[in-house]
Structures are given as structure tokens and as C-alpha cells.
Amino acid sequence: MARIAGVNIPTNKRVTIALRYIHGIGRTMAAEICEKVGVPAEKRVNQLTDAEVLQIREAIDSGYTVEGDLRRERAVNVKRLMDLGCYRGLRHRRGLPVRGQRTHTNARTRKGPAKPIAGKKK
């Protein structure tokens, strides 16, 4: 089991797919990392040598913000908006959609499950 950026990578998957288990690495970035290190995209994680795993780990550490650092950075950005008291910050604070979506209907992902209102029939 390879461990990269504090995440256990699944061993039986292709390298480009397995790298996506790391928060902050998607399809393009995984392909970019494989190309930079020189690992073929169709190679499986259990076929990687220790040197290749080390190269991948170093490439991610040196060039990309992933996992805890990325989560922390995003949390600080949201907190900054909330402290400023700007419109986006207020929406974050109230738990409402931030990017202009309607809230009369829908928005259940942000608002949570519907709460029944007493005495309201229609």
C-alpha cells in the first residue's frame, strides 16, 4: 500500500486513478504528475517501484497544494469573507447558497432538510 500526502492509495488501480484519492488532485493534475515523473498512465500502483513512489511523492510535495494545506487554505478564505461582512461572507454565515442560486424552492443541499411550518397548508 503506497502512502502519498498522508493518504493510502489503492494498490490495484491505475496510477492516474489512484492519485485522485488525494484531496486536491483531479484528472488533469494526476495526468500531469505522471507525465512529469515519467510513469506510464496505464501502470498500476502495485507495479510501481519504491523510487517511482518517492518521485511521485516529491513531485506532489514540491509543486501542489493538497490535503490538509488545501483544506486549511479554503477555510481561511471563507473565514476572511465572513469577517469582512461582505455579501458572500454573510451567505456563508447563514448557510445559504453563495453564488446567486434561488432559495424559494430548491437549495436543500445548503439549507438542510425542509422544516415543517405549523398551520401552513398551501
PDB file of N, CA and C in Angstrom:
ATOM      1  N   MET A   1       0.841  -1.186   0.000  1.00  0.00           N
ATOM      2  CA  MET A   1       0.000   0.000   0.000  1.00  0.00           C
ATOM      3  C   MET A   1       0.881   1.242   0.000  1.00  0.00           C
ATOM      4  N   ALA A   2       0.765   2.051  -1.042  1.00  0.00           N
ATOM      5  CA  ALA A   2       1.539   3.281  -1.149  1.00  0.00           C
ATOM      6  C   ALA A   2       0.842   4.384  -0.355  1.00  0.00           C
ATOM      7  N   ARG A   3       1.642   5.191   0.331  1.00  0.00           N
ATOM      8  CA  ARG A   3       1.099   6.303   1.116  1.00  0.00           C
ATOM      9  C   ARG A   3       1.696   7.593   0.578  1.00  0.00           C
ATOM     10  N   ILE A   4       0.849   8.419  -0.022  1.00  0.00           N
ATOM     11  CA  ILE A   4       1.301   9.674  -0.611  1.00  0.00           C
ATOM     12  C   ILE A   4       0.462  10.808  -0.031  1.00  0.00           C
ATOM     13  N   ALA A   5       1.120  11.856   0.431  1.00  0.00           N
ATOM     14  CA  ALA A   5       0.460  13.045   1.007  1.00  0.00           C
ATOM     15  C   ALA A   5      -0.489  12.672   2.144  1.00  0.00           C
ATOM     16  N   GLY A   6      -0.121  11.665   2.932  1.00  0.00           N
ATOM     17  CA  GLY A   6      -0.928  11.263   4.081  1.00  0.00           C
ATOM     18  C   GLY A   6      -2.162  10.457   3.735  1.00  0.00           C
ATOM     19  N   VAL A   7      -2.250   9.965   2.487  1.00  0.00           N
ATOM     20  CA  VAL A   7      -3.417   9.193   2.049  1.00  0.00           C
ATOM     21  C   VAL A   7      -2.951   7.830   1.555  1.00  0.00           C
ATOM     22  N   ASN A   8      -3.632   6.774   1.978  1.00  0.00           N
ATOM     23  CA  ASN A   8      -3.332   5.439   1.472  1.00  0.00           C
ATOM     24  C   ASN A   8      -3.936   5.305   0.081  1.00  0.00           C
ATOM     25  N   ILE A   9      -3.078   5.077  -0.899  1.00  0.00           N
ATOM     26  CA  ILE A   9      -3.507   4.975  -2.287  1.00  0.00           C
ATOM     27  C   ILE A   9      -3.901   3.517  -2.556  1.00  0.00           C
ATOM     28  N   PRO A  10      -5.048   3.273  -3.221  1.00  0.00           N
ATOM     29  CA  PRO A  10      -5.431   1.891  -3.545  1.00  0.00           C
ATOM     30  C   PRO A  10      -4.417   1.248  -4.488  1.00  0.00           C
ATOM     31  N   THR A  11      -4.033   0.009  -4.205  1.00  0.00           N
ATOM     32  CA  THR A  11      -2.931  -0.627  -4.931  1.00  0.00           C
ATOM     33  C   THR A  11      -3.326  -1.237  -6.265  1.00  0.00           C
ATOM     34  N   ASN A  12      -4.558  -1.658  -6.427  1.00  0.00           N
ATOM     35  CA  ASN A  12      -4.920  -2.373  -7.654  1.00  0.00           C
ATOM     36  C   ASN A  12      -5.435  -1.469  -8.769  1.00  0.00           C
ATOM     37  N   LYS A  13      -5.412  -0.151  -8.564  1.00  0.00           N
ATOM     38  CA  LYS A  13      -5.900   0.785  -9.588  1.00  0.00           C
ATOM     39  C   LYS A  13      -4.735   1.381 -10.367  1.00  0.00           C
ATOM     40  N   ARG A  14      -5.055   1.972 -11.550  1.00  0.00           N
ATOM     41  CA  ARG A  14      -4.036   2.658 -12.330  1.00  0.00           C
ATOM     42  C   ARG A  14      -3.570   3.897 -11.571  1.00  0.00           C
ATOM     43  N   VAL A  15      -2.345   4.331 -11.831  1.00  0.00           N
ATOM     44  CA  VAL A  15      -1.739   5.429 -11.074  1.00  0.00           C
ATOM     45  C   VAL A  15      -2.564   6.713 -11.198  1.00  0.00           C
ATOM     46  N   THR A  16      -3.011   7.038 -12.422  1.00  0.00           N
ATOM     47  CA  THR A  16      -3.763   8.285 -12.606  1.00  0.00           C
ATOM     48  C   THR A  16      -5.087   8.275 -11.839  1.00  0.00           C
ATOM     49  N   ILE A  17      -5.694   7.103 -11.728  1.00  0.00           N
ATOM     50  CA  ILE A  17      -6.954   6.982 -10.982  1.00  0.00           C
ATOM     51  C   ILE A  17      -6.671   7.035  -9.479  1.00  0.00           C
ATOM     52  N   ALA A  18      -5.639   6.353  -9.038  1.00  0.00           N
ATOM     53  CA  ALA A  18      -5.320   6.269  -7.614  1.00  0.00           C
ATOM     54  C   ALA A  18      -4.911   7.623  -7.043  1.00  0.00           C
ATOM     55  N   LEU A  19      -4.230   8.437  -7.839  1.00  0.00           N
ATOM     56  CA  LEU A  19      -3.795   9.752  -7.350  1.00  0.00           C
ATOM     57  C   LEU A  19      -4.983  10.661  -7.056  1.00  0.00           C
ATOM     58  N   ARG A  20      -6.122  10.399  -7.675  1.00  0.00           N
ATOM     59  CA  ARG A  20      -7.316  11.221  -7.462  1.00  0.00           C
ATOM     60  C   ARG A  20      -7.910  11.035  -6.075  1.00  0.00           C
ATOM     61  N   TYR A  21      -7.470  10.012  -5.336  1.00  0.00           N
ATOM     62  CA  TYR A  21      -7.930   9.814  -3.968  1.00  0.00           C
ATOM     63  C   TYR A  21      -7.361  10.881  -3.041  1.00  0.00           C
ATOM     64  N   ILE A  22      -6.355  11.608  -3.500  1.00  0.00           N
ATOM     65  CA  ILE A  22      -5.763  12.694  -2.719  1.00  0.00           C
ATOM     66  C   ILE A  22      -6.603  13.942  -2.950  1.00  0.00           C
ATOM     67  N   HIS A  23      -7.030  14.593  -1.877  1.00  0.00           N
ATOM     68  CA  HIS A  23      -7.854  15.797  -1.974  1.00  0.00           C
ATOM     69  C   HIS A  23      -7.049  16.901  -2.650  1.00  0.00           C
ATOM     70  N   GLY A  24      -7.592  17.423  -3.751  1.00  0.00           N
ATOM     71  CA  GLY A  24      -6.908  18.495  -4.469  1.00  0.00           C
ATOM     72  C   GLY A  24      -6.254  18.036  -5.752  1.00  0.00           C
ATOM     73  N   ILE A  25      -6.302  16.725  -6.039  1.00  0.00           N
ATOM     74  CA  ILE A  25      -5.752  16.207  -7.293  1.00  0.00           C
ATOM     75  C   ILE A  25      -6.896  15.596  -8.087  1.00  0.00           C
ATOM     76  N   GLY A  26      -7.094  16.124  -9.290  1.00  0.00           N
ATOM     77  CA  GLY A  26      -8.138  15.631 -10.178  1.00  0.00           C
ATOM     78  C   GLY A  26      -7.528  14.942 -11.380  1.00  0.00           C
ATOM     79  N   ARG A  27      -8.331  14.806 -12.431  1.00  0.00           N
ATOM     80  CA  ARG A  27      -7.916  14.087 -13.630  1.00  0.00           C
ATOM     81  C   ARG A  27      -6.698  14.736 -14.297  1.00  0.00           C
ATOM     82  N   THR A  28      -6.763  16.040 -14.534  1.00  0.00           N
ATOM     83  CA  THR A  28      -5.677  16.719 -15.250  1.00  0.00           C
ATOM     84  C   THR A  28      -4.395  16.731 -14.437  1.00  0.00           C
ATOM     85  N   MET A  29      -4.520  17.040 -13.153  1.00  0.00           N
ATOM     86  CA  MET A  29      -3.335  17.126 -12.310  1.00  0.00           C
ATOM     87  C   MET A  29      -2.671  15.760 -12.155  1.00  0.00           C
ATOM     88  N   ALA A  30      -3.459  14.691 -12.047  1.00  0.00           N
ATOM     89  CA  ALA A  30      -2.903  13.341 -11.930  1.00  0.00           C
ATOM     90  C   ALA A  30      -2.135  12.970 -13.190  1.00  0.00           C
ATOM     91  N   ALA A  31      -2.699  13.284 -14.361  1.00  0.00           N
ATOM     92  CA  ALA A  31      -2.014  13.003 -15.624  1.00  0.00           C
ATOM     93  C   ALA A  31      -0.731  13.830 -15.737  1.00  0.00           C
ATOM     94  N   GLU A  32      -0.793  15.076 -15.281  1.00  0.00           N
ATOM     95  CA  GLU A  32       0.368  15.971 -15.303  1.00  0.00           C
ATOM     96  C   GLU A  32       1.492  15.434 -14.425  1.00  0.00           C
ATOM     97  N   ILE A  33       1.145  14.943 -13.239  1.00  0.00           N
ATOM     98  CA  ILE A  33       2.142  14.391 -12.311  1.00  0.00           C
ATOM     99  C   ILE A  33       2.791  13.158 -12.917  1.00  0.00           C
ATOM    100  N   CYS A  34       1.986  12.256 -13.486  1.00  0.00           N
ATOM    101  CA  CYS A  34       2.528  11.038 -14.105  1.00  0.00           C
ATOM    102  C   CYS A  34       3.475  11.385 -15.249  1.00  0.00           C
ATOM    103  N   GLU A  35       3.101  12.380 -16.041  1.00  0.00           N
ATOM    104  CA  GLU A  35       3.935  12.794 -17.169  1.00  0.00           C
ATOM    105  C   GLU A  35       5.247  13.399 -16.677  1.00  0.00           C
ATOM    106  N   LYS A  36       5.158  14.211 -15.613  1.00  0.00           N
ATOM    107  CA  LYS A  36       6.351  14.867 -15.058  1.00  0.00           C
ATOM    108  C   LYS A  36       7.341  13.847 -14.495  1.00  0.00           C
ATOM    109  N   VAL A  37       6.799  12.834 -13.811  1.00  0.00           N
ATOM    110  CA  VAL A  37       7.647  11.809 -13.183  1.00  0.00           C
ATOM    111  C   VAL A  37       8.124  10.786 -14.210  1.00  0.00           C
ATOM    112  N   GLY A  38       7.347  10.598 -15.272  1.00  0.00           N
ATOM    113  CA  GLY A  38       7.713   9.634 -16.307  1.00  0.00           C
ATOM    114  C   GLY A  38       7.144   8.252 -16.083  1.00  0.00           C
ATOM    115  N   VAL A  39       6.025   8.190 -15.355  1.00  0.00           N
ATOM    116  CA  VAL A  39       5.348   6.921 -15.102  1.00  0.00           C
ATOM    117  C   VAL A  39       4.262   6.759 -16.165  1.00  0.00           C
ATOM    118  N   PRO A  40       4.197   5.622 -16.853  1.00  0.00           N
ATOM    119  CA  PRO A  40       3.118   5.418 -17.833  1.00  0.00           C
ATOM    120  C   PRO A  40       1.751   5.448 -17.155  1.00  0.00           C
ATOM    121  N   ALA A  41       0.772   6.046 -17.817  1.00  0.00           N
ATOM    122  CA  ALA A  41      -0.559   6.230 -17.222  1.00  0.00           C
ATOM    123  C   ALA A  41      -1.264   4.906 -16.951  1.00  0.00           C
ATOM    124  N   GLU A  42      -0.994   3.878 -17.774  1.00  0.00           N
ATOM    125  CA  GLU A  42      -1.702   2.603 -17.607  1.00  0.00           C
ATOM    126  C   GLU A  42      -1.053   1.683 -16.566  1.00  0.00           C
ATOM    127  N   LYS A  43       0.045   2.110 -15.957  1.00  0.00           N
ATOM    128  CA  LYS A  43       0.724   1.300 -14.945  1.00  0.00           C
ATOM    129  C   LYS A  43      -0.095   1.286 -13.653  1.00  0.00           C
ATOM    130  N   ARG A  44      -0.125   0.163 -12.979  1.00  0.00           N
ATOM    131  CA  ARG A  44      -0.870   0.023 -11.724  1.00  0.00           C
ATOM    132  C   ARG A  44       0.024   0.411 -10.550  1.00  0.00           C
ATOM    133  N   VAL A  45      -0.603   0.770  -9.438  1.00  0.00           N
ATOM    134  CA  VAL A  45       0.148   1.227  -8.264  1.00  0.00           C
ATOM    135  C   VAL A  45       1.006   0.105  -7.694  1.00  0.00           C
ATOM    136  N   ASN A  46       0.494  -1.142  -7.712  1.00  0.00           N
ATOM    137  CA  ASN A  46       1.283  -2.248  -7.153  1.00  0.00           C
ATOM    138  C   ASN A  46       2.482  -2.614  -8.031  1.00  0.00           C
ATOM    139  N   GLN A  47       2.543  -2.082  -9.266  1.00  0.00           N
ATOM    140  CA  GLN A  47       3.687  -2.327 -10.140  1.00  0.00           C
ATOM    141  C   GLN A  47       4.755  -1.245 -10.007  1.00  0.00           C
ATOM    142  N   LEU A  48       4.461  -0.182  -9.253  1.00  0.00           N
ATOM    143  CA  LEU A  48       5.421   0.910  -9.081  1.00  0.00           C
ATOM    144  C   LEU A  48       6.579   0.477  -8.198  1.00  0.00           C
ATOM    145  N   THR A  49       7.763   0.955  -8.533  1.00  0.00           N
ATOM    146  CA  THR A  49       8.927   0.705  -7.667  1.00  0.00           C
ATOM    147  C   THR A  49       8.927   1.747  -6.553  1.00  0.00           C
ATOM    148  N   ASP A  50       9.729   1.488  -5.524  1.00  0.00           N
ATOM    149  CA  ASP A  50       9.832   2.439  -4.412  1.00  0.00           C
ATOM    150  C   ASP A  50      10.361   3.788  -4.884  1.00  0.00           C
ATOM    151  N   ALA A  51      11.262   3.766  -5.848  1.00  0.00           N
ATOM    152  CA  ALA A  51      11.835   5.007  -6.383  1.00  0.00           C
ATOM    153  C   ALA A  51      10.767   5.838  -7.083  1.00  0.00           C
ATOM    154  N   GLU A  52       9.886   5.170  -7.840  1.00  0.00           N
ATOM    155  CA  GLU A  52       8.819   5.884  -8.549  1.00  0.00           C
ATOM    156  C   GLU A  52       7.823   6.492  -7.568  1.00  0.00           C
ATOM    157  N   VAL A  53       7.490   5.743  -6.511  1.00  0.00           N
ATOM    158  CA  VAL A  53       6.577   6.251  -5.489  1.00  0.00           C
ATOM    159  C   VAL A  53       7.189   7.479  -4.822  1.00  0.00           C
ATOM    160  N   LEU A  54       8.494   7.402  -4.546  1.00  0.00           N
ATOM    161  CA  LEU A  54       9.210   8.525  -3.935  1.00  0.00           C
ATOM    162  C   LEU A  54       9.207   9.739  -4.858  1.00  0.00           C
ATOM    163  N   GLN A  55       9.407   9.518  -6.157  1.00  0.00           N
ATOM    164  CA  GLN A  55       9.386  10.614  -7.129  1.00  0.00           C
ATOM    165  C   GLN A  55       8.010  11.273  -7.181  1.00  0.00           C
ATOM    166  N   ILE A  56       6.969  10.459  -7.186  1.00  0.00           N
ATOM    167  CA  ILE A  56       5.598  10.992  -7.201  1.00  0.00           C
ATOM    168  C   ILE A  56       5.346  11.813  -5.945  1.00  0.00           C
ATOM    169  N   ARG A  57       5.757  11.282  -4.802  1.00  0.00           N
ATOM    170  CA  ARG A  57       5.573  11.969  -3.519  1.00  0.00           C
ATOM    171  C   ARG A  57       6.284  13.324  -3.517  1.00  0.00           C
ATOM    172  N   GLU A  58       7.533  13.335  -4.024  1.00  0.00           N
ATOM    173  CA  GLU A  58       8.299  14.583  -4.060  1.00  0.00           C
ATOM    174  C   GLU A  58       7.688  15.592  -5.035  1.00  0.00           C
ATOM    175  N   ALA A  59       7.185  15.097  -6.180  1.00  0.00           N
ATOM    176  CA  ALA A  59       6.562  15.982  -7.163  1.00  0.00           C
ATOM    177  C   ALA A  59       5.323  16.653  -6.578  1.00  0.00           C
ATOM    178  N   ILE A  60       4.535  15.898  -5.824  1.00  0.00           N
ATOM    179  CA  ILE A  60       3.324  16.449  -5.217  1.00  0.00           C
ATOM    180  C   ILE A  60       3.687  17.438  -4.115  1.00  0.00           C
ATOM    181  N   ASP A  61       4.672  17.077  -3.281  1.00  0.00           N
ATOM    182  CA  ASP A  61       5.073  17.954  -2.180  1.00  0.00           C
ATOM    183  C   ASP A  61       5.639  19.278  -2.679  1.00  0.00           C
ATOM    184  N   SER A  62       6.399  19.227  -3.771  1.00  0.00           N
ATOM    185  CA  SER A  62       7.081  20.438  -4.228  1.00  0.00           C
ATOM    186  C   SER A  62       6.176  21.372  -5.023  1.00  0.00           C
ATOM    187  N   GLY A  63       5.258  20.811  -5.825  1.00  0.00           N
ATOM    188  CA  GLY A  63       4.551  21.662  -6.761  1.00  0.00           C
ATOM    189  C   GLY A  63       3.077  21.892  -6.527  1.00  0.00           C
ATOM    190  N   TYR A  64       2.434  21.189  -5.591  1.00  0.00           N
ATOM    191  CA  TYR A  64       0.982  21.264  -5.475  1.00  0.00           C
ATOM    192  C   TYR A  64       0.546  21.446  -4.025  1.00  0.00           C
ATOM    193  N   THR A  65      -0.564  22.147  -3.839  1.00  0.00           N
ATOM    194  CA  THR A  65      -1.193  22.284  -2.523  1.00  0.00           C
ATOM    195  C   THR A  65      -2.293  21.241  -2.434  1.00  0.00           C
ATOM    196  N   VAL A  66      -2.137  20.287  -1.524  1.00  0.00           N
ATOM    197  CA  VAL A  66      -3.105  19.194  -1.412  1.00  0.00           C
ATOM    198  C   VAL A  66      -3.457  18.920   0.045  1.00  0.00           C
ATOM    199  N   GLU A  67      -4.488  18.114   0.239  1.00  0.00           N
ATOM    200  CA  GLU A  67      -4.957  17.606   1.532  1.00  0.00           C
ATOM    201  C   GLU A  67      -5.120  18.703   2.587  1.00  0.00           C
ATOM    202  N   GLY A  68      -4.457  18.577   3.736  1.00  0.00           N
ATOM    203  CA  GLY A  68      -4.667  19.469   4.884  1.00  0.00           C
ATOM    204  C   GLY A  68      -4.394  20.922   4.569  1.00  0.00           C
ATOM    205  N   ASP A  69      -3.313  21.190   3.827  1.00  0.00           N
ATOM    206  CA  ASP A  69      -2.966  22.570   3.478  1.00  0.00           C
ATOM    207  C   ASP A  69      -4.055  23.207   2.629  1.00  0.00           C
ATOM    208  N   LEU A  70      -4.574  22.458   1.665  1.00  0.00           N
ATOM    209  CA  LEU A  70      -5.626  22.971   0.785  1.00  0.00           C
ATOM    210  C   LEU A  70      -6.912  23.218   1.567  1.00  0.00           C
ATOM    211  N   ARG A  71      -7.278  22.270   2.422  1.00  0.00           N
ATOM    212  CA  ARG A  71      -8.489  22.428   3.238  1.00  0.00           C
ATOM    213  C   ARG A  71      -8.356  23.651   4.147  1.00  0.00           C
ATOM    214  N   ARG A  72      -7.185  23.809   4.763  1.00  0.00           N
ATOM    215  CA  ARG A  72      -6.928  24.943   5.651  1.00  0.00           C
ATOM    216  C   ARG A  72      -7.003  26.270   4.880  1.00  0.00           C
ATOM    217  N   GLU A  73      -6.411  26.287   3.690  1.00  0.00           N
ATOM    218  CA  GLU A  73      -6.416  27.491   2.861  1.00  0.00           C
ATOM    219  C   GLU A  73      -7.845  27.901   2.485  1.00  0.00           C
ATOM    220  N   ARG A  74      -8.657  26.923   2.095  1.00  0.00           N
ATOM    221  CA  ARG A  74     -10.056  27.207   1.749  1.00  0.00           C
ATOM    222  C   ARG A  74     -10.831  27.708   2.958  1.00  0.00           C
ATOM    223  N   ALA A  75     -10.603  27.096   4.129  1.00  0.00           N
ATOM    224  CA  ALA A  75     -11.300  27.510   5.348  1.00  0.00           C
ATOM    225  C   ALA A  75     -10.922  28.946   5.715  1.00  0.00           C
ATOM    226  N   VAL A  76      -9.649  29.296   5.551  1.00  0.00           N
ATOM    227  CA  VAL A  76      -9.187  30.658   5.847  1.00  0.00           C
ATOM    228  C   VAL A  76      -9.832  31.648   4.882  1.00  0.00           C
ATOM    229  N   ASN A  77      -9.956  31.271   3.600  1.00  0.00           N
ATOM    230  CA  ASN A  77     -10.587  32.158   2.616  1.00  0.00           C
ATOM    231  C   ASN A  77     -12.046  32.429   2.970  1.00  0.00           C
ATOM    232  N   VAL A  78     -12.771  31.383   3.364  1.00  0.00           N
ATOM    233  CA  VAL A  78     -14.183  31.544   3.735  1.00  0.00           C
ATOM    234  C   VAL A  78     -14.297  32.376   5.008  1.00  0.00           C
ATOM    235  N   LYS A  79     -13.405  32.118   5.961  1.00  0.00           N
ATOM    236  CA  LYS A  79     -13.423  32.869   7.222  1.00  0.00           C
ATOM    237  C   LYS A  79     -13.147  34.349   6.971  1.00  0.00           C
ATOM    238  N   ARG A  80     -12.239  34.645   6.044  1.00  0.00           N
ATOM    239  CA  ARG A  80     -11.908  36.029   5.692  1.00  0.00           C
ATOM    240  C   ARG A  80     -13.155  36.737   5.142  1.00  0.00           C
ATOM    241  N   LEU A  81     -13.892  36.044   4.257  1.00  0.00           N
ATOM    242  CA  LEU A  81     -15.124  36.623   3.707  1.00  0.00           C
ATOM    243  C   LEU A  81     -16.143  36.895   4.811  1.00  0.00           C
ATOM    244  N   MET A  82     -16.240  35.969   5.757  1.00  0.00           N
ATOM    245  CA  MET A  82     -17.202  36.130   6.842  1.00  0.00           C
ATOM    246  C   MET A  82     -16.807  37.288   7.750  1.00  0.00           C
ATOM    247  N   ASP A  83     -15.513  37.432   8.028  1.00  0.00           N
ATOM    248  CA  ASP A  83     -15.039  38.511   8.897  1.00  0.00           C
ATOM    249  C   ASP A  83     -15.222  39.878   8.233  1.00  0.00           C
ATOM    250  N   LEU A  84     -15.044  39.926   6.909  1.00  0.00           N
ATOM    251  CA  LEU A  84     -15.239  41.181   6.184  1.00  0.00           C
ATOM    252  C   LEU A  84     -16.687  41.646   6.247  1.00  0.00           C
ATOM    253  N   GLY A  85     -17.587  40.686   6.320  1.00  0.00           N
ATOM    254  CA  GLY A  85     -19.010  41.024   6.338  1.00  0.00           C
ATOM    255  C   GLY A  85     -19.545  41.326   4.953  1.00  0.00           C
ATOM    256  N   CYS A  86     -18.853  40.866   3.918  1.00  0.00           N
ATOM    257  CA  CYS A  86     -19.333  41.076   2.558  1.00  0.00           C
ATOM    258  C   CYS A  86     -20.509  40.130   2.291  1.00  0.00           C
ATOM    259  N   TYR A  87     -21.171  40.337   1.154  1.00  0.00           N
ATOM    260  CA  TYR A  87     -22.368  39.565   0.835  1.00  0.00           C
ATOM    261  C   TYR A  87     -22.081  38.067   0.841  1.00  0.00           C
ATOM    262  N   ARG A  88     -20.995  37.658   0.184  1.00  0.00           N
ATOM    263  CA  ARG A  88     -20.649  36.231   0.140  1.00  0.00           C
ATOM    264  C   ARG A  88     -20.386  35.691   1.543  1.00  0.00           C
ATOM    265  N   GLY A  89     -19.742  36.495   2.384  1.00  0.00           N
ATOM    266  CA  GLY A  89     -19.473  36.077   3.756  1.00  0.00           C
ATOM    267  C   GLY A  89     -20.747  35.894   4.558  1.00  0.00           C
ATOM    268  N   LEU A  90     -21.715  36.801   4.360  1.00  0.00           N
ATOM    269  CA  LEU A  90     -22.995  36.683   5.062  1.00  0.00           C
ATOM    270  C   LEU A  90     -23.734  35.424   4.628  1.00  0.00           C
ATOM    271  N   ARG A  91     -23.685  35.106   3.320  1.00  0.00           N
ATOM    272  CA  ARG A  91     -24.335  33.897   2.811  1.00  0.00           C
ATOM    273  C   ARG A  91     -23.694  32.652   3.421  1.00  0.00           C
ATOM    274  N   HIS A  92     -22.368  32.651   3.526  1.00  0.00           N
ATOM    275  CA  HIS A  92     -21.666  31.526   4.164  1.00  0.00           C
ATOM    276  C   HIS A  92     -22.112  31.407   5.620  1.00  0.00           C
ATOM    277  N   ARG A  93     -22.161  32.533   6.321  1.00  0.00           N
ATOM    278  CA  ARG A  93     -22.511  32.544   7.743  1.00  0.00           C
ATOM    279  C   ARG A  93     -23.911  31.992   7.979  1.00  0.00           C
ATOM    280  N   ARG A  94     -24.854  32.336   7.077  1.00  0.00           N
ATOM    281  CA  ARG A  94     -26.240  31.893   7.233  1.00  0.00           C
ATOM    282  C   ARG A  94     -26.499  30.506   6.661  1.00  0.00           C
ATOM    283  N   GLY A  95     -25.495  29.949   5.981  1.00  0.00           N
ATOM    284  CA  GLY A  95     -25.666  28.617   5.415  1.00  0.00           C
ATOM    285  C   GLY A  95     -26.568  28.593   4.201  1.00  0.00           C
ATOM    286  N   LEU A  96     -26.559  29.669   3.432  1.00  0.00           N
ATOM    287  CA  LEU A  96     -27.376  29.774   2.228  1.00  0.00           C
ATOM    288  C   LEU A  96     -26.483  29.693   0.998  1.00  0.00           C
ATOM    289  N   PRO A  97     -27.061  29.476  -0.193  1.00  0.00           N
ATOM    290  CA  PRO A  97     -26.249  29.424  -1.407  1.00  0.00           C
ATOM    291  C   PRO A  97     -25.500  30.739  -1.616  1.00  0.00           C
ATOM    292  N   VAL A  98     -24.238  30.637  -2.025  1.00  0.00           N
ATOM    293  CA  VAL A  98     -23.370  31.797  -2.104  1.00  0.00           C
ATOM    294  C   VAL A  98     -23.377  32.411  -3.499  1.00  0.00           C
ATOM    295  N   ARG A  99     -23.599  31.626  -4.524  1.00  0.00           N
ATOM    296  CA  ARG A  99     -23.368  32.084  -5.889  1.00  0.00           C
ATOM    297  C   ARG A  99     -24.632  32.439  -6.657  1.00  0.00           C
ATOM    298  N   GLY A 100     -25.621  33.011  -5.991  1.00  0.00           N
ATOM    299  CA  GLY A 100     -26.759  33.568  -6.694  1.00  0.00           C
ATOM    300  C   GLY A 100     -27.877  32.607  -7.031  1.00  0.00           C
ATOM    301  N   GLN A 101     -27.849  31.389  -6.499  1.00  0.00           N
ATOM    302  CA  GLN A 101     -28.919  30.449  -6.806  1.00  0.00           C
ATOM    303  C   GLN A 101     -30.199  30.855  -6.077  1.00  0.00           C
ATOM    304  N   ARG A 102     -31.339  30.406  -6.594  1.00  0.00           N
ATOM    305  CA  ARG A 102     -32.618  30.732  -5.968  1.00  0.00           C
ATOM    306  C   ARG A 102     -32.783  29.938  -4.665  1.00  0.00           C
ATOM    307  N   THR A 103     -33.540  30.490  -3.724  1.00  0.00           N
ATOM    308  CA  THR A 103     -33.763  29.790  -2.457  1.00  0.00           C
ATOM    309  C   THR A 103     -35.244  29.596  -2.162  1.00  0.00           C
ATOM    310  N   HIS A 104     -36.128  30.159  -3.007  1.00  0.00           N
ATOM    311  CA  HIS A 104     -37.570  29.986  -2.771  1.00  0.00           C
ATOM    312  C   HIS A 104     -37.924  28.502  -2.835  1.00  0.00           C
ATOM    313  N   THR A 105     -37.443  27.832  -3.890  1.00  0.00           N
ATOM    314  CA  THR A 105     -37.513  26.373  -3.948  1.00  0.00           C
ATOM    315  C   THR A 105     -36.076  25.888  -4.107  1.00  0.00           C
ATOM    316  N   ASN A 106     -35.857  24.645  -3.909  1.00  0.00           N
ATOM    317  CA  ASN A 106     -34.517  24.039  -4.008  1.00  0.00           C
ATOM    318  C   ASN A 106     -33.595  24.563  -2.909  1.00  0.00           C
ATOM    319  N   ALA A 107     -32.303  24.553  -3.112  1.00  0.00           N
ATOM    320  CA  ALA A 107     -31.285  24.963  -2.131  1.00  0.00           C
ATOM    321  C   ALA A 107     -31.282  24.064  -0.901  1.00  0.00           C
ATOM    322  N   ARG A 108     -31.806  22.837  -1.029  1.00  0.00           N
ATOM    323  CA  ARG A 108     -31.872  21.946   0.127  1.00  0.00           C
ATOM    324  C   ARG A 108     -30.492  21.449   0.541  1.00  0.00           C
ATOM    325  N   THR A 109     -29.551  21.425  -0.377  1.00  0.00           N
ATOM    326  CA  THR A 109     -28.208  20.978  -0.017  1.00  0.00           C
ATOM    327  C   THR A 109     -27.597  21.922   1.009  1.00  0.00           C
ATOM    328  N   ARG A 110     -27.720  23.228   0.786  1.00  0.00           N
ATOM    329  CA  ARG A 110     -27.158  24.209   1.704  1.00  0.00           C
ATOM    330  C   ARG A 110     -28.027  24.407   2.946  1.00  0.00           C
ATOM    331  N   LYS A 111     -29.358  24.422   2.761  1.00  0.00           N
ATOM    332  CA  LYS A 111     -30.263  24.754   3.859  1.00  0.00           C
ATOM    333  C   LYS A 111     -30.582  23.566   4.756  1.00  0.00           C
ATOM    334  N   GLY A 112     -30.336  22.351   4.279  1.00  0.00           N
ATOM    335  CA  GLY A 112     -30.656  21.164   5.062  1.00  0.00           C
ATOM    336  C   GLY A 112     -32.070  20.688   4.763  1.00  0.00           C
ATOM    337  N   PRO A 113     -32.528  19.630   5.431  1.00  0.00           N
ATOM    338  CA  PRO A 113     -33.868  19.103   5.160  1.00  0.00           C
ATOM    339  C   PRO A 113     -34.945  20.131   5.512  1.00  0.00           C
ATOM    340  N   ALA A 114     -36.078  20.067   4.785  1.00  0.00           N
ATOM    341  CA  ALA A 114     -37.163  21.032   4.959  1.00  0.00           C
ATOM    342  C   ALA A 114     -37.750  20.932   6.360  1.00  0.00           C
ATOM    343  N   LYS A 115     -38.019  22.091   6.959  1.00  0.00           N
ATOM    344  CA  LYS A 115     -38.614  22.138   8.289  1.00  0.00           C
ATOM    345  C   LYS A 115     -40.101  22.461   8.127  1.00  0.00           C
ATOM    346  N   PRO A 116     -40.976  21.679   8.722  1.00  0.00           N
ATOM    347  CA  PRO A 116     -42.416  21.942   8.563  1.00  0.00           C
ATOM    348  C   PRO A 116     -42.808  23.221   9.296  1.00  0.00           C
ATOM    349  N   ILE A 117     -43.728  23.981   8.701  1.00  0.00           N
ATOM    350  CA  ILE A 117     -44.225  25.220   9.316  1.00  0.00           C
ATOM    351  C   ILE A 117     -45.622  24.943   9.835  1.00  0.00           C
ATOM    352  N   ALA A 118     -45.864  25.238  11.100  1.00  0.00           N
ATOM    353  CA  ALA A 118     -47.150  24.927  11.728  1.00  0.00           C
ATOM    354  C   ALA A 118     -48.256  25.781  11.124  1.00  0.00           C
ATOM    355  N   GLY A 119     -49.377  25.153  10.783  1.00  0.00           N
ATOM    356  CA  GLY A 119     -50.547  25.864  10.293  1.00  0.00           C
ATOM    357  C   GLY A 119     -50.504  26.214   8.833  1.00  0.00           C
ATOM    358  N   LYS A 120     -49.487  25.830   8.120  1.00  0.00           N
ATOM    359  CA  LYS A 120     -49.390  26.158   6.703  1.00  0.00           C
ATOM    360  C   LYS A 120     -49.870  24.970   5.879  1.00  0.00           C
ATOM    361  N   LYS A 121     -50.960  25.166   5.128  1.00  0.00           N
ATOM    362  CA  LYS A 121     -51.474  24.079   4.294  1.00  0.00           C
ATOM    363  C   LYS A 121     -51.049  24.276   2.852  1.00  0.00           C
ATOM    364  N   LYS A 122     -51.328  25.453   2.300  1.00  0.00           N
ATOM    365  CA  LYS A 122     -50.946  25.709   0.921  1.00  0.00           C
ATOM    366  C   LYS A 122     -50.871  27.155   0.590  1.00  0.00           C
TER     367      LYS A 122
END
